[in-house]
Amino acid sequence: NYADIPRPSWHPSQEGNKIIPMQITITIILLITTLYLLTQLYHYKFQNRALWFPSPSHIRQAIINHLELQPGQIFAELGAGTGTLARLLAKKYPTNQIYAYEISYLPFLLGSLLAGRHPNLNFISGNLIKADLNMVDYFFVFTNDESMAQLATKLQKHPKAATLYSYQFQLPNHQASQIITTPKHPIYIYQL
């Protein structure tokens, strides 16, 4: 009689219960990755925006080493992605206001979650070309040539003296006051 045969502690029907959560997790990860890649393609192809590539850690460190924010001065990371540089500066300068502007949804959401630990860090979703940057003393940008041209036009109207750090891309019709050399690409510093 088959009912009297002892069953092993593991049974094939139990394995299906373990596989389903793993399949769901993998599916969710693939969907999020696909959504991210599609939004990046959309922003690049149809909105003429730079793709999100985090600035390398040695670039962030070079800027942190060079920058000397005074009390009351404001820093803005333009096209911040997840805001790694902005978070590092918010930690180093807890009494200064730090802004991180990002237009892409997924990096903005992640950056906003991570920014919660820093009360002086303001993570803002939106187009940096349309943003009110009049209060900013120092900027950092890592974008593309098209965005740099738009930024150059915008910053011509900047009402006060400011400094722009740009990794890899030059500001059109401006002469860099200083260039920080790095292993791959320079950081251009402009006095506005």
N, C-alpha and C. Protein backbone atom coordinates (compact mmCIF):
# COMPACT_ATOMS: atom_id res chain seq x y z
N ASN A 1 0.84 -1.17 0.00
CA ASN A 1 0.00 0.00 0.00
C ASN A 1 0.90 1.24 0.00
N TYR A 2 0.64 2.17 -0.96
CA TYR A 2 1.47 3.37 -1.10
C TYR A 2 1.32 4.33 0.07
N ALA A 3 0.23 4.34 0.74
CA ALA A 3 0.01 5.26 1.86
C ALA A 3 0.94 4.93 3.02
N ASP A 4 1.41 3.68 3.11
CA ASP A 4 2.26 3.27 4.21
C ASP A 4 3.74 3.56 3.96
N ILE A 5 4.11 3.96 2.75
CA ILE A 5 5.52 4.23 2.43
C ILE A 5 5.88 5.60 3.02
N PRO A 6 6.93 5.65 3.83
CA PRO A 6 7.32 6.95 4.41
C PRO A 6 7.83 7.90 3.32
N ARG A 7 7.42 9.15 3.41
CA ARG A 7 7.85 10.16 2.45
C ARG A 7 9.13 10.81 2.97
N PRO A 8 10.02 11.19 2.07
CA PRO A 8 11.23 11.90 2.51
C PRO A 8 10.85 13.28 3.04
N SER A 9 11.76 13.85 3.84
CA SER A 9 11.49 15.17 4.41
C SER A 9 11.40 16.23 3.30
N TRP A 10 12.07 15.97 2.20
CA TRP A 10 11.97 16.88 1.06
C TRP A 10 11.08 16.22 0.03
N HIS A 11 10.20 16.97 -0.56
CA HIS A 11 9.29 16.46 -1.57
C HIS A 11 9.32 17.40 -2.76
N PRO A 12 9.27 16.89 -3.99
CA PRO A 12 9.36 17.77 -5.17
C PRO A 12 8.35 18.91 -5.16
N SER A 13 7.18 18.71 -4.59
CA SER A 13 6.19 19.79 -4.59
C SER A 13 6.62 20.96 -3.70
N GLN A 14 7.54 20.72 -2.74
CA GLN A 14 8.01 21.79 -1.88
C GLN A 14 9.01 22.69 -2.60
N GLU A 15 9.73 22.18 -3.58
CA GLU A 15 10.72 22.99 -4.29
C GLU A 15 10.05 24.10 -5.08
N GLY A 16 8.91 23.83 -5.64
CA GLY A 16 8.19 24.86 -6.38
C GLY A 16 7.89 26.07 -5.51
N ASN A 17 7.61 25.87 -4.24
CA ASN A 17 7.34 26.97 -3.33
C ASN A 17 8.56 27.85 -3.10
N LYS A 18 9.76 27.27 -3.17
CA LYS A 18 10.98 28.03 -2.99
C LYS A 18 11.37 28.76 -4.27
N ILE A 19 11.09 28.21 -5.42
CA ILE A 19 11.48 28.80 -6.69
C ILE A 19 10.63 30.02 -7.04
N ILE A 20 9.37 29.99 -6.72
CA ILE A 20 8.48 31.08 -7.11
C ILE A 20 8.93 32.43 -6.54
N PRO A 21 9.26 32.57 -5.24
CA PRO A 21 9.74 33.88 -4.76
C PRO A 21 11.01 34.34 -5.48
N MET A 22 11.92 33.40 -5.80
CA MET A 22 13.13 33.77 -6.51
C MET A 22 12.79 34.25 -7.92
N GLN A 23 11.87 33.61 -8.59
CA GLN A 23 11.46 34.03 -9.93
C GLN A 23 10.82 35.41 -9.89
N ILE A 24 10.02 35.66 -8.87
CA ILE A 24 9.38 36.97 -8.72
C ILE A 24 10.44 38.04 -8.50
N THR A 25 11.42 37.76 -7.65
CA THR A 25 12.50 38.72 -7.38
C THR A 25 13.29 39.03 -8.64
N ILE A 26 13.66 38.00 -9.38
CA ILE A 26 14.41 38.19 -10.62
C ILE A 26 13.57 38.99 -11.62
N THR A 27 12.29 38.69 -11.72
CA THR A 27 11.41 39.41 -12.64
C THR A 27 11.32 40.89 -12.26
N ILE A 28 11.19 41.18 -10.97
CA ILE A 28 11.13 42.56 -10.51
C ILE A 28 12.43 43.30 -10.84
N ILE A 29 13.56 42.66 -10.58
CA ILE A 29 14.86 43.28 -10.89
C ILE A 29 14.98 43.55 -12.39
N LEU A 30 14.57 42.59 -13.21
CA LEU A 30 14.63 42.80 -14.66
C LEU A 30 13.69 43.92 -15.11
N LEU A 31 12.50 44.00 -14.53
CA LEU A 31 11.57 45.08 -14.88
C LEU A 31 12.12 46.46 -14.49
N ILE A 32 12.69 46.56 -13.31
CA ILE A 32 13.26 47.83 -12.87
C ILE A 32 14.43 48.23 -13.76
N THR A 33 15.29 47.27 -14.09
CA THR A 33 16.42 47.55 -14.97
C THR A 33 15.94 47.99 -16.34
N THR A 34 14.94 47.30 -16.88
CA THR A 34 14.39 47.67 -18.19
C THR A 34 13.78 49.06 -18.14
N LEU A 35 13.02 49.36 -17.09
CA LEU A 35 12.42 50.68 -16.94
C LEU A 35 13.50 51.76 -16.88
N TYR A 36 14.54 51.51 -16.12
CA TYR A 36 15.64 52.46 -16.02
C TYR A 36 16.29 52.70 -17.38
N LEU A 37 16.60 51.63 -18.09
CA LEU A 37 17.24 51.78 -19.40
C LEU A 37 16.34 52.49 -20.39
N LEU A 38 15.05 52.21 -20.36
CA LEU A 38 14.12 52.89 -21.26
C LEU A 38 14.01 54.38 -20.93
N THR A 39 13.98 54.73 -19.64
CA THR A 39 13.91 56.15 -19.30
C THR A 39 15.19 56.88 -19.69
N GLN A 40 16.32 56.20 -19.53
CA GLN A 40 17.58 56.81 -19.95
C GLN A 40 17.60 57.04 -21.45
N LEU A 41 17.16 56.06 -22.21
CA LEU A 41 17.10 56.19 -23.67
C LEU A 41 16.15 57.31 -24.06
N TYR A 42 14.99 57.37 -23.41
CA TYR A 42 14.03 58.43 -23.70
C TYR A 42 14.63 59.80 -23.44
N HIS A 43 15.26 59.98 -22.27
CA HIS A 43 15.85 61.28 -21.94
C HIS A 43 16.95 61.65 -22.92
N TYR A 44 17.75 60.70 -23.31
CA TYR A 44 18.87 60.97 -24.21
C TYR A 44 18.37 61.27 -25.62
N LYS A 45 17.50 60.42 -26.14
CA LYS A 45 17.08 60.52 -27.54
C LYS A 45 16.07 61.62 -27.78
N PHE A 46 15.09 61.75 -26.90
CA PHE A 46 13.99 62.67 -27.16
C PHE A 46 14.03 63.96 -26.35
N GLN A 47 14.80 64.00 -25.30
CA GLN A 47 14.86 65.19 -24.47
C GLN A 47 16.23 65.86 -24.51
N ASN A 48 17.17 65.31 -25.29
CA ASN A 48 18.53 65.84 -25.42
C ASN A 48 19.21 66.02 -24.07
N ARG A 49 19.04 65.06 -23.21
CA ARG A 49 19.66 65.11 -21.90
C ARG A 49 20.80 64.10 -21.83
N ALA A 50 21.69 64.37 -20.91
CA ALA A 50 22.81 63.46 -20.72
C ALA A 50 22.34 62.17 -20.07
N LEU A 51 22.97 61.08 -20.44
CA LEU A 51 22.71 59.82 -19.76
C LEU A 51 23.31 59.90 -18.36
N TRP A 52 22.74 59.15 -17.44
CA TRP A 52 23.24 59.18 -16.08
C TRP A 52 24.43 58.24 -15.93
N PHE A 53 25.59 58.84 -15.70
CA PHE A 53 26.79 58.11 -15.34
C PHE A 53 27.33 58.79 -14.09
N PRO A 54 27.47 58.09 -13.01
CA PRO A 54 28.00 58.73 -11.80
C PRO A 54 29.41 59.25 -12.04
N SER A 55 29.71 60.40 -11.45
CA SER A 55 31.08 60.90 -11.56
C SER A 55 31.98 59.96 -10.77
N PRO A 56 33.17 59.68 -11.30
CA PRO A 56 34.08 58.75 -10.61
C PRO A 56 34.46 59.26 -9.22
N SER A 57 34.77 58.34 -8.35
CA SER A 57 35.07 58.70 -6.96
C SER A 57 36.29 59.62 -6.85
N HIS A 58 37.29 59.44 -7.72
CA HIS A 58 38.47 60.31 -7.64
C HIS A 58 38.12 61.75 -8.06
N ILE A 59 37.11 61.91 -8.89
CA ILE A 59 36.66 63.25 -9.28
C ILE A 59 35.93 63.90 -8.11
N ARG A 60 35.05 63.15 -7.49
CA ARG A 60 34.35 63.68 -6.31
C ARG A 60 35.36 64.09 -5.23
N GLN A 61 36.36 63.26 -5.02
CA GLN A 61 37.36 63.55 -3.99
C GLN A 61 38.19 64.79 -4.36
N ALA A 62 38.53 64.95 -5.63
CA ALA A 62 39.28 66.12 -6.07
C ALA A 62 38.49 67.40 -5.81
N ILE A 63 37.19 67.36 -6.05
CA ILE A 63 36.36 68.54 -5.82
C ILE A 63 36.23 68.81 -4.32
N ILE A 64 36.01 67.77 -3.53
CA ILE A 64 35.93 67.94 -2.08
C ILE A 64 37.22 68.55 -1.54
N ASN A 65 38.35 68.11 -2.05
CA ASN A 65 39.64 68.63 -1.59
C ASN A 65 39.85 70.08 -2.01
N HIS A 66 39.34 70.46 -3.17
CA HIS A 66 39.57 71.80 -3.71
C HIS A 66 38.58 72.83 -3.15
N LEU A 67 37.37 72.42 -2.93
CA LEU A 67 36.29 73.32 -2.54
C LEU A 67 36.43 73.73 -1.07
N GLU A 68 36.25 75.02 -0.81
CA GLU A 68 36.27 75.53 0.56
C GLU A 68 35.05 76.42 0.75
N LEU A 69 33.92 75.79 1.10
CA LEU A 69 32.70 76.56 1.34
C LEU A 69 32.82 77.37 2.63
N GLN A 70 32.46 78.63 2.55
CA GLN A 70 32.42 79.50 3.72
C GLN A 70 31.00 79.47 4.29
N PRO A 71 30.82 79.81 5.56
CA PRO A 71 29.48 79.81 6.13
C PRO A 71 28.52 80.67 5.29
N GLY A 72 27.35 80.12 5.04
CA GLY A 72 26.34 80.82 4.26
C GLY A 72 26.41 80.58 2.76
N GLN A 73 27.52 80.03 2.27
CA GLN A 73 27.62 79.77 0.84
C GLN A 73 26.83 78.53 0.47
N ILE A 74 26.36 78.51 -0.77
CA ILE A 74 25.47 77.45 -1.25
C ILE A 74 26.12 76.72 -2.40
N PHE A 75 26.00 75.40 -2.38
CA PHE A 75 26.55 74.53 -3.43
C PHE A 75 25.40 73.81 -4.12
N ALA A 76 25.51 73.64 -5.45
CA ALA A 76 24.51 72.89 -6.20
C ALA A 76 25.20 71.91 -7.14
N GLU A 77 24.79 70.66 -7.06
CA GLU A 77 25.23 69.63 -8.01
C GLU A 77 24.15 69.55 -9.07
N LEU A 78 24.49 69.89 -10.30
CA LEU A 78 23.54 69.95 -11.41
C LEU A 78 23.60 68.65 -12.20
N GLY A 79 22.46 68.00 -12.36
CA GLY A 79 22.45 66.67 -12.97
C GLY A 79 23.08 65.70 -11.99
N ALA A 80 22.55 65.68 -10.79
CA ALA A 80 23.19 65.01 -9.66
C ALA A 80 23.11 63.49 -9.67
N GLY A 81 22.24 62.92 -10.50
CA GLY A 81 22.05 61.47 -10.42
C GLY A 81 21.50 61.13 -9.05
N THR A 82 22.21 60.28 -8.33
CA THR A 82 21.78 59.92 -6.97
C THR A 82 22.37 60.86 -5.92
N GLY A 83 23.12 61.87 -6.35
CA GLY A 83 23.59 62.89 -5.43
C GLY A 83 24.74 62.49 -4.53
N THR A 84 25.62 61.63 -5.00
CA THR A 84 26.73 61.18 -4.15
C THR A 84 27.61 62.33 -3.72
N LEU A 85 28.01 63.19 -4.65
CA LEU A 85 28.85 64.34 -4.28
C LEU A 85 28.10 65.26 -3.33
N ALA A 86 26.85 65.54 -3.62
CA ALA A 86 26.05 66.42 -2.75
C ALA A 86 25.96 65.85 -1.33
N ARG A 87 25.77 64.55 -1.20
CA ARG A 87 25.70 63.93 0.13
C ARG A 87 27.03 64.07 0.87
N LEU A 88 28.13 63.86 0.15
CA LEU A 88 29.45 63.98 0.79
C LEU A 88 29.68 65.41 1.26
N LEU A 89 29.28 66.39 0.45
CA LEU A 89 29.45 67.79 0.84
C LEU A 89 28.50 68.18 1.97
N ALA A 90 27.29 67.64 1.96
CA ALA A 90 26.34 67.91 3.05
C ALA A 90 26.90 67.41 4.37
N LYS A 91 27.61 66.31 4.33
CA LYS A 91 28.23 65.77 5.55
C LYS A 91 29.42 66.63 5.98
N LYS A 92 30.24 67.05 5.01
CA LYS A 92 31.43 67.85 5.33
C LYS A 92 31.05 69.26 5.79
N TYR A 93 29.99 69.82 5.20
CA TYR A 93 29.57 71.19 5.51
C TYR A 93 28.14 71.18 6.06
N PRO A 94 27.92 70.73 7.27
CA PRO A 94 26.56 70.56 7.79
C PRO A 94 25.78 71.86 7.99
N THR A 95 26.45 73.01 8.00
CA THR A 95 25.73 74.28 8.17
C THR A 95 25.46 74.98 6.85
N ASN A 96 26.00 74.47 5.75
CA ASN A 96 25.75 75.05 4.43
C ASN A 96 24.60 74.34 3.74
N GLN A 97 23.87 75.07 2.92
CA GLN A 97 22.81 74.47 2.12
C GLN A 97 23.43 73.84 0.87
N ILE A 98 23.06 72.61 0.60
CA ILE A 98 23.54 71.86 -0.55
C ILE A 98 22.31 71.45 -1.36
N TYR A 99 22.36 71.68 -2.67
CA TYR A 99 21.25 71.32 -3.55
C TYR A 99 21.73 70.28 -4.56
N ALA A 100 20.85 69.36 -4.88
CA ALA A 100 21.12 68.34 -5.91
C ALA A 100 19.93 68.37 -6.86
N TYR A 101 20.19 68.74 -8.11
CA TYR A 101 19.15 68.79 -9.14
C TYR A 101 19.27 67.58 -10.04
N GLU A 102 18.16 66.88 -10.25
CA GLU A 102 18.15 65.71 -11.13
C GLU A 102 16.80 65.64 -11.84
N ILE A 103 16.84 65.35 -13.13
CA ILE A 103 15.61 65.28 -13.92
C ILE A 103 15.14 63.85 -14.15
N SER A 104 16.05 62.89 -14.16
CA SER A 104 15.67 61.49 -14.39
C SER A 104 15.03 60.91 -13.13
N TYR A 105 13.94 60.18 -13.32
CA TYR A 105 13.11 59.76 -12.21
C TYR A 105 13.78 58.77 -11.26
N LEU A 106 14.36 57.71 -11.79
CA LEU A 106 14.92 56.68 -10.90
C LEU A 106 16.11 57.19 -10.08
N PRO A 107 17.10 57.86 -10.70
CA PRO A 107 18.17 58.40 -9.86
C PRO A 107 17.65 59.41 -8.83
N PHE A 108 16.66 60.22 -9.26
CA PHE A 108 16.08 61.20 -8.32
C PHE A 108 15.44 60.50 -7.11
N LEU A 109 14.67 59.46 -7.37
CA LEU A 109 14.01 58.75 -6.27
C LEU A 109 15.02 58.14 -5.31
N LEU A 110 16.03 57.48 -5.87
CA LEU A 110 17.06 56.88 -5.03
C LEU A 110 17.82 57.95 -4.26
N GLY A 111 18.20 59.01 -4.96
CA GLY A 111 18.91 60.11 -4.30
C GLY A 111 18.09 60.76 -3.20
N SER A 112 16.80 60.92 -3.43
CA SER A 112 15.91 61.52 -2.42
C SER A 112 15.86 60.65 -1.17
N LEU A 113 15.80 59.35 -1.36
CA LEU A 113 15.80 58.44 -0.20
C LEU A 113 17.10 58.55 0.59
N LEU A 114 18.21 58.60 -0.12
CA LEU A 114 19.51 58.68 0.54
C LEU A 114 19.75 60.06 1.16
N ALA A 115 19.14 61.10 0.60
CA ALA A 115 19.34 62.46 1.10
C ALA A 115 18.66 62.69 2.44
N GLY A 116 17.71 61.86 2.79
CA GLY A 116 16.95 62.04 4.02
C GLY A 116 17.79 62.12 5.27
N ARG A 117 18.98 61.62 5.24
CA ARG A 117 19.86 61.64 6.42
C ARG A 117 20.56 62.98 6.62
N HIS A 118 20.43 63.88 5.66
CA HIS A 118 21.14 65.16 5.71
C HIS A 118 20.14 66.31 5.64
N PRO A 119 19.85 66.96 6.77
CA PRO A 119 18.84 68.03 6.77
C PRO A 119 19.24 69.24 5.92
N ASN A 120 20.51 69.42 5.62
CA ASN A 120 20.96 70.56 4.81
C ASN A 120 21.03 70.24 3.32
N LEU A 121 20.60 69.04 2.94
CA LEU A 121 20.63 68.62 1.53
C LEU A 121 19.22 68.66 0.97
N ASN A 122 19.05 69.40 -0.10
CA ASN A 122 17.77 69.54 -0.78
C ASN A 122 17.86 68.86 -2.14
N PHE A 123 17.14 67.77 -2.31
CA PHE A 123 17.14 67.04 -3.57
C PHE A 123 15.95 67.51 -4.38
N ILE A 124 16.20 68.05 -5.58
CA ILE A 124 15.15 68.69 -6.37
C ILE A 124 15.02 68.00 -7.72
N SER A 125 13.78 67.65 -8.05
CA SER A 125 13.49 67.05 -9.35
C SER A 125 13.14 68.15 -10.33
N GLY A 126 13.82 68.16 -11.45
CA GLY A 126 13.48 69.15 -12.47
C GLY A 126 14.65 69.46 -13.38
N ASN A 127 14.34 70.23 -14.38
CA ASN A 127 15.30 70.63 -15.39
C ASN A 127 16.17 71.75 -14.83
N LEU A 128 17.47 71.55 -14.77
CA LEU A 128 18.36 72.54 -14.19
C LEU A 128 18.38 73.83 -14.99
N ILE A 129 18.06 73.77 -16.27
CA ILE A 129 18.03 74.97 -17.09
C ILE A 129 16.87 75.88 -16.67
N LYS A 130 15.80 75.28 -16.18
CA LYS A 130 14.64 76.07 -15.73
C LYS A 130 14.69 76.40 -14.24
N ALA A 131 15.63 75.83 -13.53
CA ALA A 131 15.70 76.02 -12.07
C ALA A 131 16.20 77.41 -11.72
N ASP A 132 15.76 77.91 -10.57
CA ASP A 132 16.26 79.18 -10.04
C ASP A 132 17.55 78.90 -9.29
N LEU A 133 18.65 79.30 -9.88
CA LEU A 133 19.98 79.04 -9.31
C LEU A 133 20.64 80.32 -8.81
N ASN A 134 19.88 81.40 -8.71
CA ASN A 134 20.45 82.71 -8.38
C ASN A 134 21.15 82.75 -7.04
N MET A 135 20.79 81.89 -6.10
CA MET A 135 21.38 81.92 -4.78
C MET A 135 22.66 81.09 -4.67
N VAL A 136 23.01 80.35 -5.72
CA VAL A 136 24.12 79.38 -5.65
C VAL A 136 25.48 80.08 -5.84
N ASP A 137 26.43 79.67 -4.98
CA ASP A 137 27.80 80.19 -5.05
C ASP A 137 28.75 79.26 -5.80
N TYR A 138 28.52 77.95 -5.68
CA TYR A 138 29.38 76.94 -6.31
C TYR A 138 28.50 75.90 -6.99
N PHE A 139 28.91 75.51 -8.19
CA PHE A 139 28.20 74.50 -8.97
C PHE A 139 29.15 73.38 -9.33
N PHE A 140 28.60 72.18 -9.48
CA PHE A 140 29.33 71.08 -10.12
C PHE A 140 28.42 70.48 -11.17
N VAL A 141 28.99 70.19 -12.33
CA VAL A 141 28.21 69.58 -13.40
C VAL A 141 29.07 68.54 -14.13
N PHE A 142 28.45 67.43 -14.46
CA PHE A 142 29.04 66.39 -15.30
C PHE A 142 27.93 65.99 -16.25
N THR A 143 27.95 66.57 -17.45
CA THR A 143 26.83 66.41 -18.37
C THR A 143 27.34 66.16 -19.78
N ASN A 144 26.79 66.83 -20.77
CA ASN A 144 27.23 66.68 -22.15
C ASN A 144 27.38 68.06 -22.79
N ASP A 145 27.87 68.10 -24.03
CA ASP A 145 28.11 69.38 -24.70
C ASP A 145 26.84 70.20 -24.89
N GLU A 146 25.74 69.55 -25.25
CA GLU A 146 24.49 70.27 -25.46
C GLU A 146 24.01 70.94 -24.17
N SER A 147 24.04 70.21 -23.08
CA SER A 147 23.62 70.77 -21.80
C SER A 147 24.56 71.88 -21.35
N MET A 148 25.85 71.74 -21.64
CA MET A 148 26.81 72.78 -21.27
C MET A 148 26.51 74.07 -22.03
N ALA A 149 26.11 73.97 -23.30
CA ALA A 149 25.76 75.16 -24.07
C ALA A 149 24.54 75.86 -23.47
N GLN A 150 23.54 75.07 -23.07
CA GLN A 150 22.36 75.64 -22.43
C GLN A 150 22.71 76.26 -21.08
N LEU A 151 23.57 75.59 -20.35
CA LEU A 151 23.99 76.10 -19.04
C LEU A 151 24.78 77.40 -19.18
N ALA A 152 25.63 77.49 -20.20
CA ALA A 152 26.41 78.71 -20.44
C ALA A 152 25.48 79.90 -20.65
N THR A 153 24.43 79.69 -21.44
CA THR A 153 23.45 80.75 -21.67
C THR A 153 22.76 81.15 -20.38
N LYS A 154 22.36 80.16 -19.60
CA LYS A 154 21.67 80.43 -18.33
C LYS A 154 22.58 81.19 -17.36
N LEU A 155 23.83 80.76 -17.25
CA LEU A 155 24.72 81.35 -16.26
C LEU A 155 25.20 82.75 -16.63
N GLN A 156 25.01 83.16 -17.89
CA GLN A 156 25.35 84.54 -18.27
C GLN A 156 24.52 85.53 -17.47
N LYS A 157 23.36 85.11 -17.03
CA LYS A 157 22.45 85.98 -16.27
C LYS A 157 22.57 85.77 -14.76
N HIS A 158 23.56 84.99 -14.33
CA HIS A 158 23.71 84.71 -12.90
C HIS A 158 24.04 86.02 -12.18
N PRO A 159 23.27 86.37 -11.14
CA PRO A 159 23.39 87.70 -10.54
C PRO A 159 24.59 87.93 -9.62
N LYS A 160 25.31 86.89 -9.27
CA LYS A 160 26.44 87.10 -8.36
C LYS A 160 27.64 86.26 -8.79
N ALA A 161 28.78 86.59 -8.21
CA ALA A 161 29.99 85.83 -8.52
C ALA A 161 29.80 84.39 -8.05
N ALA A 162 30.20 83.47 -8.89
CA ALA A 162 30.06 82.05 -8.56
C ALA A 162 31.18 81.28 -9.23
N THR A 163 31.35 80.04 -8.80
CA THR A 163 32.37 79.16 -9.36
C THR A 163 31.69 77.90 -9.88
N LEU A 164 32.06 77.50 -11.08
CA LEU A 164 31.52 76.29 -11.70
C LEU A 164 32.64 75.28 -11.88
N TYR A 165 32.43 74.08 -11.35
CA TYR A 165 33.33 72.95 -11.59
C TYR A 165 32.65 72.07 -12.64
N SER A 166 33.36 71.75 -13.71
CA SER A 166 32.79 70.90 -14.75
C SER A 166 33.76 69.76 -15.05
N TYR A 167 33.29 68.56 -14.86
CA TYR A 167 34.11 67.40 -15.18
C TYR A 167 33.94 67.05 -16.65
N GLN A 168 35.04 67.04 -17.36
CA GLN A 168 35.17 66.53 -18.72
C GLN A 168 34.67 67.49 -19.80
N PHE A 169 33.68 68.31 -19.55
CA PHE A 169 33.11 69.16 -20.60
C PHE A 169 33.37 70.63 -20.30
N GLN A 170 33.76 71.37 -21.35
CA GLN A 170 34.06 72.78 -21.19
C GLN A 170 32.80 73.63 -21.37
N LEU A 171 32.81 74.77 -20.72
CA LEU A 171 31.72 75.73 -20.84
C LEU A 171 31.98 76.57 -22.08
N PRO A 172 31.09 76.53 -23.08
CA PRO A 172 31.33 77.27 -24.32
C PRO A 172 31.50 78.77 -24.07
N ASN A 173 32.41 79.37 -24.82
CA ASN A 173 32.67 80.81 -24.79
C ASN A 173 33.15 81.31 -23.43
N HIS A 174 33.75 80.44 -22.65
CA HIS A 174 34.32 80.81 -21.36
C HIS A 174 35.72 80.20 -21.27
N GLN A 175 36.59 80.91 -20.60
CA GLN A 175 37.95 80.42 -20.37
C GLN A 175 38.03 79.90 -18.94
N ALA A 176 38.48 78.68 -18.78
CA ALA A 176 38.63 78.12 -17.44
C ALA A 176 39.71 78.90 -16.69
N SER A 177 39.42 79.24 -15.44
CA SER A 177 40.40 79.95 -14.63
C SER A 177 41.43 78.99 -14.05
N GLN A 178 41.05 77.73 -13.97
CA GLN A 178 41.94 76.70 -13.45
C GLN A 178 41.50 75.36 -14.00
N ILE A 179 42.45 74.44 -14.15
CA ILE A 179 42.14 73.09 -14.60
C ILE A 179 42.80 72.11 -13.63
N ILE A 180 41.98 71.23 -13.09
CA ILE A 180 42.51 70.17 -12.22
C ILE A 180 42.71 68.94 -13.10
N THR A 181 43.94 68.48 -13.18
CA THR A 181 44.21 67.30 -14.00
C THR A 181 43.88 66.04 -13.21
N THR A 182 43.28 65.10 -13.91
CA THR A 182 42.94 63.81 -13.32
C THR A 182 43.40 62.74 -14.30
N PRO A 183 43.40 61.47 -13.90
CA PRO A 183 43.92 60.42 -14.78
C PRO A 183 43.27 60.35 -16.18
N LYS A 184 41.97 60.61 -16.30
CA LYS A 184 41.34 60.50 -17.61
C LYS A 184 40.96 61.84 -18.21
N HIS A 185 40.14 62.59 -17.52
CA HIS A 185 39.64 63.86 -18.04
C HIS A 185 39.81 64.94 -17.00
N PRO A 186 39.98 66.19 -17.44
CA PRO A 186 40.19 67.27 -16.48
C PRO A 186 38.88 67.75 -15.85
N ILE A 187 39.06 68.49 -14.75
CA ILE A 187 37.97 69.24 -14.14
C ILE A 187 38.27 70.70 -14.46
N TYR A 188 37.33 71.35 -15.17
CA TYR A 188 37.47 72.75 -15.53
C TYR A 188 36.80 73.59 -14.45
N ILE A 189 37.48 74.65 -14.03
CA ILE A 189 36.92 75.56 -13.03
C ILE A 189 36.74 76.92 -13.68
N TYR A 190 35.53 77.42 -13.59
CA TYR A 190 35.17 78.71 -14.20
C TYR A 190 34.72 79.67 -13.12
N GLN A 191 35.20 80.91 -13.20
CA GLN A 191 34.72 81.99 -12.34
C GLN A 191 33.66 82.74 -13.13
N LEU A 192 32.46 82.77 -12.61
CA LEU A 192 31.35 83.40 -13.31
C LEU A 192 31.12 84.82 -12.79
